[in-house]
Amino acid sequence: MNLKKILSGILGAVLMFVIGNMLPITNLYSHFIVNSHDDENTLVAIVVLVEWPIFIILGAIIGVLAYNYCLTKLSKGRF
């Protein structure tokens, strides 16, 4: 594989992870799942085992697709 493609995937995963954690998705989970202190462990498990891997996988896919679409086009030497 190409190093630029791998780096694009890693950068996409990191950016999607950071942006995804800034979205208030976890607040939606907390309203429906957490009714007591015992349910907080379930919320943490959902966030760590479901939400974060989805962000990382989607970000890596978007990064590789962005590399394939934007960085592999041949330049014609004009603007």
N, C-alpha and C. Protein backbone atom coordinates (compact mmCIF):
# COMPACT_ATOMS: atom_id res chain seq x y z
N MET A 1 0.84 -1.19 0.00
CA MET A 1 0.00 0.00 0.00
C MET A 1 0.88 1.24 0.00
N ASN A 2 0.28 2.28 -0.41
CA ASN A 2 0.95 3.57 -0.49
C ASN A 2 0.95 4.24 0.89
N LEU A 3 2.08 4.83 1.27
CA LEU A 3 2.19 5.47 2.58
C LEU A 3 1.22 6.65 2.70
N LYS A 4 1.02 7.38 1.61
CA LYS A 4 0.08 8.51 1.66
C LYS A 4 -1.34 8.03 1.89
N LYS A 5 -1.69 6.88 1.34
CA LYS A 5 -3.03 6.34 1.54
C LYS A 5 -3.22 5.93 3.00
N ILE A 6 -2.20 5.31 3.59
CA ILE A 6 -2.28 4.91 4.99
C ILE A 6 -2.38 6.14 5.89
N LEU A 7 -1.57 7.15 5.62
CA LEU A 7 -1.62 8.38 6.42
C LEU A 7 -2.95 9.10 6.26
N SER A 8 -3.52 9.06 5.07
CA SER A 8 -4.84 9.67 4.87
C SER A 8 -5.90 8.95 5.68
N GLY A 9 -5.81 7.63 5.73
CA GLY A 9 -6.75 6.86 6.54
C GLY A 9 -6.60 7.14 8.01
N ILE A 10 -5.35 7.24 8.49
CA ILE A 10 -5.12 7.54 9.90
C ILE A 10 -5.60 8.95 10.24
N LEU A 11 -5.30 9.91 9.39
CA LEU A 11 -5.74 11.29 9.63
C LEU A 11 -7.26 11.38 9.61
N GLY A 12 -7.90 10.69 8.69
CA GLY A 12 -9.36 10.68 8.65
C GLY A 12 -9.95 10.06 9.90
N ALA A 13 -9.32 8.97 10.40
CA ALA A 13 -9.81 8.33 11.61
C ALA A 13 -9.67 9.25 12.82
N VAL A 14 -8.54 9.93 12.92
CA VAL A 14 -8.33 10.84 14.05
C VAL A 14 -9.30 12.02 14.00
N LEU A 15 -9.46 12.60 12.81
CA LEU A 15 -10.37 13.74 12.69
C LEU A 15 -11.82 13.34 12.98
N MET A 16 -12.23 12.19 12.47
CA MET A 16 -13.60 11.74 12.71
C MET A 16 -13.81 11.42 14.19
N PHE A 17 -12.79 10.86 14.83
CA PHE A 17 -12.89 10.56 16.26
C PHE A 17 -13.05 11.85 17.07
N VAL A 18 -12.26 12.86 16.75
CA VAL A 18 -12.33 14.13 17.49
C VAL A 18 -13.66 14.83 17.22
N ILE A 19 -14.05 14.91 15.97
CA ILE A 19 -15.30 15.59 15.62
C ILE A 19 -16.50 14.82 16.18
N GLY A 20 -16.44 13.49 16.10
CA GLY A 20 -17.54 12.68 16.63
C GLY A 20 -17.71 12.81 18.12
N ASN A 21 -16.61 12.98 18.84
CA ASN A 21 -16.73 13.15 20.29
C ASN A 21 -17.20 14.54 20.68
N MET A 22 -17.11 15.50 19.78
CA MET A 22 -17.63 16.83 20.08
C MET A 22 -19.14 16.91 19.83
N LEU A 23 -19.68 15.96 19.08
CA LEU A 23 -21.13 15.93 18.85
C LEU A 23 -21.84 15.41 20.10
N PRO A 24 -23.03 15.89 20.38
CA PRO A 24 -23.73 15.48 21.61
C PRO A 24 -24.50 14.17 21.47
N ILE A 25 -23.90 13.17 20.83
CA ILE A 25 -24.57 11.88 20.66
C ILE A 25 -24.67 11.15 21.99
N THR A 26 -23.65 11.24 22.82
CA THR A 26 -23.66 10.56 24.11
C THR A 26 -24.77 11.09 25.02
N ASN A 27 -25.13 12.34 24.86
CA ASN A 27 -26.23 12.88 25.66
C ASN A 27 -27.54 12.20 25.32
N LEU A 28 -27.73 11.83 24.05
CA LEU A 28 -28.93 11.09 23.67
C LEU A 28 -28.97 9.73 24.34
N TYR A 29 -27.81 9.04 24.34
CA TYR A 29 -27.76 7.75 25.02
C TYR A 29 -28.07 7.89 26.50
N SER A 30 -27.54 8.92 27.12
CA SER A 30 -27.71 9.05 28.57
C SER A 30 -29.16 9.29 28.95
N HIS A 31 -29.92 9.95 28.12
CA HIS A 31 -31.34 10.19 28.43
C HIS A 31 -32.15 8.90 28.37
N PHE A 32 -31.78 7.99 27.46
CA PHE A 32 -32.57 6.77 27.29
C PHE A 32 -32.05 5.59 28.10
N ILE A 33 -30.76 5.56 28.42
CA ILE A 33 -30.18 4.39 29.06
C ILE A 33 -29.96 4.59 30.56
N VAL A 34 -29.42 5.73 30.94
CA VAL A 34 -29.02 5.94 32.34
C VAL A 34 -30.22 6.38 33.17
N ASN A 35 -30.65 5.49 34.06
CA ASN A 35 -31.71 5.83 35.00
C ASN A 35 -31.18 5.87 36.42
N SER A 36 -30.03 5.23 36.65
CA SER A 36 -29.41 5.22 37.98
C SER A 36 -27.89 5.13 37.80
N HIS A 37 -27.18 5.10 38.92
CA HIS A 37 -25.72 5.02 38.85
C HIS A 37 -25.26 3.68 38.31
N ASP A 38 -26.06 2.65 38.46
CA ASP A 38 -25.68 1.33 37.95
C ASP A 38 -25.69 1.30 36.42
N ASP A 39 -26.50 2.11 35.80
CA ASP A 39 -26.59 2.13 34.35
C ASP A 39 -25.46 2.91 33.69
N GLU A 40 -24.67 3.62 34.45
CA GLU A 40 -23.57 4.40 33.88
C GLU A 40 -22.51 3.48 33.26
N ASN A 41 -22.33 2.30 33.82
CA ASN A 41 -21.39 1.35 33.23
C ASN A 41 -21.84 0.91 31.84
N THR A 42 -23.13 0.75 31.65
CA THR A 42 -23.66 0.39 30.34
C THR A 42 -23.39 1.50 29.34
N LEU A 43 -23.56 2.73 29.77
CA LEU A 43 -23.30 3.87 28.88
C LEU A 43 -21.84 3.92 28.47
N VAL A 44 -20.94 3.71 29.41
CA VAL A 44 -19.51 3.72 29.10
C VAL A 44 -19.17 2.58 28.15
N ALA A 45 -19.76 1.41 28.36
CA ALA A 45 -19.51 0.28 27.48
C ALA A 45 -19.99 0.57 26.06
N ILE A 46 -21.14 1.20 25.93
CA ILE A 46 -21.65 1.54 24.60
C ILE A 46 -20.74 2.55 23.92
N VAL A 47 -20.31 3.54 24.65
CA VAL A 47 -19.45 4.57 24.06
C VAL A 47 -18.10 3.98 23.65
N VAL A 48 -17.47 3.21 24.52
CA VAL A 48 -16.12 2.70 24.25
C VAL A 48 -16.14 1.55 23.25
N LEU A 49 -17.11 0.68 23.32
CA LEU A 49 -17.10 -0.52 22.48
C LEU A 49 -17.90 -0.39 21.19
N VAL A 50 -18.78 0.60 21.09
CA VAL A 50 -19.59 0.75 19.88
C VAL A 50 -19.32 2.08 19.18
N GLU A 51 -19.49 3.16 19.91
CA GLU A 51 -19.43 4.49 19.30
C GLU A 51 -18.02 4.83 18.80
N TRP A 52 -17.00 4.65 19.63
CA TRP A 52 -15.63 5.00 19.23
C TRP A 52 -15.12 4.16 18.07
N PRO A 53 -15.33 2.84 18.06
CA PRO A 53 -14.89 2.08 16.88
C PRO A 53 -15.61 2.49 15.60
N ILE A 54 -16.87 2.84 15.70
CA ILE A 54 -17.59 3.30 14.51
C ILE A 54 -16.98 4.59 13.99
N PHE A 55 -16.68 5.53 14.89
CA PHE A 55 -16.03 6.77 14.47
C PHE A 55 -14.69 6.50 13.80
N ILE A 56 -13.89 5.61 14.37
CA ILE A 56 -12.56 5.33 13.82
C ILE A 56 -12.66 4.65 12.47
N ILE A 57 -13.54 3.67 12.33
CA ILE A 57 -13.66 2.95 11.06
C ILE A 57 -14.22 3.86 9.97
N LEU A 58 -15.26 4.62 10.28
CA LEU A 58 -15.81 5.55 9.30
C LEU A 58 -14.80 6.62 8.89
N GLY A 59 -14.04 7.12 9.85
CA GLY A 59 -13.02 8.12 9.54
C GLY A 59 -11.94 7.58 8.65
N ALA A 60 -11.51 6.34 8.90
CA ALA A 60 -10.49 5.72 8.05
C ALA A 60 -11.01 5.51 6.64
N ILE A 61 -12.25 5.08 6.51
CA ILE A 61 -12.84 4.89 5.18
C ILE A 61 -12.95 6.23 4.45
N ILE A 62 -13.41 7.26 5.14
CA ILE A 62 -13.53 8.58 4.53
C ILE A 62 -12.15 9.11 4.13
N GLY A 63 -11.13 8.88 4.97
CA GLY A 63 -9.78 9.33 4.64
C GLY A 63 -9.23 8.64 3.40
N VAL A 64 -9.44 7.34 3.27
CA VAL A 64 -8.96 6.61 2.09
C VAL A 64 -9.74 7.03 0.85
N LEU A 65 -11.05 7.23 0.99
CA LEU A 65 -11.85 7.70 -0.15
C LEU A 65 -11.43 9.10 -0.57
N ALA A 66 -11.12 9.96 0.39
CA ALA A 66 -10.65 11.30 0.06
C ALA A 66 -9.30 11.22 -0.66
N TYR A 67 -8.44 10.32 -0.23
CA TYR A 67 -7.16 10.13 -0.92
C TYR A 67 -7.39 9.67 -2.36
N ASN A 68 -8.25 8.68 -2.53
CA ASN A 68 -8.50 8.15 -3.88
C ASN A 68 -9.14 9.19 -4.79
N TYR A 69 -9.99 10.03 -4.23
CA TYR A 69 -10.70 11.00 -5.06
C TYR A 69 -9.86 12.26 -5.32
N CYS A 70 -9.20 12.76 -4.29
CA CYS A 70 -8.54 14.06 -4.41
C CYS A 70 -7.05 13.97 -4.74
N LEU A 71 -6.35 13.03 -4.14
CA LEU A 71 -4.90 13.03 -4.26
C LEU A 71 -4.37 12.17 -5.39
N THR A 72 -5.21 11.42 -6.06
CA THR A 72 -4.73 10.57 -7.15
C THR A 72 -5.07 11.11 -8.52
N LYS A 73 -5.71 12.27 -8.58
CA LYS A 73 -6.03 12.87 -9.87
C LYS A 73 -4.76 13.42 -10.50
N LEU A 74 -4.62 13.22 -11.78
CA LEU A 74 -3.44 13.73 -12.48
C LEU A 74 -3.59 15.21 -12.76
N SER A 75 -2.53 15.94 -12.57
CA SER A 75 -2.54 17.37 -12.79
C SER A 75 -2.26 17.65 -14.26
N LYS A 76 -2.95 18.64 -14.81
CA LYS A 76 -2.75 19.04 -16.21
C LYS A 76 -1.80 20.22 -16.30
N GLY A 77 -1.27 20.66 -15.17
CA GLY A 77 -0.33 21.76 -15.17
C GLY A 77 -0.96 23.13 -15.23
N ARG A 78 -2.29 23.18 -15.13
CA ARG A 78 -3.00 24.47 -15.15
C ARG A 78 -3.80 24.62 -13.87
N PHE A 79 -4.21 25.83 -13.62
CA PHE A 79 -5.05 26.09 -12.46
C PHE A 79 -6.49 25.97 -12.81
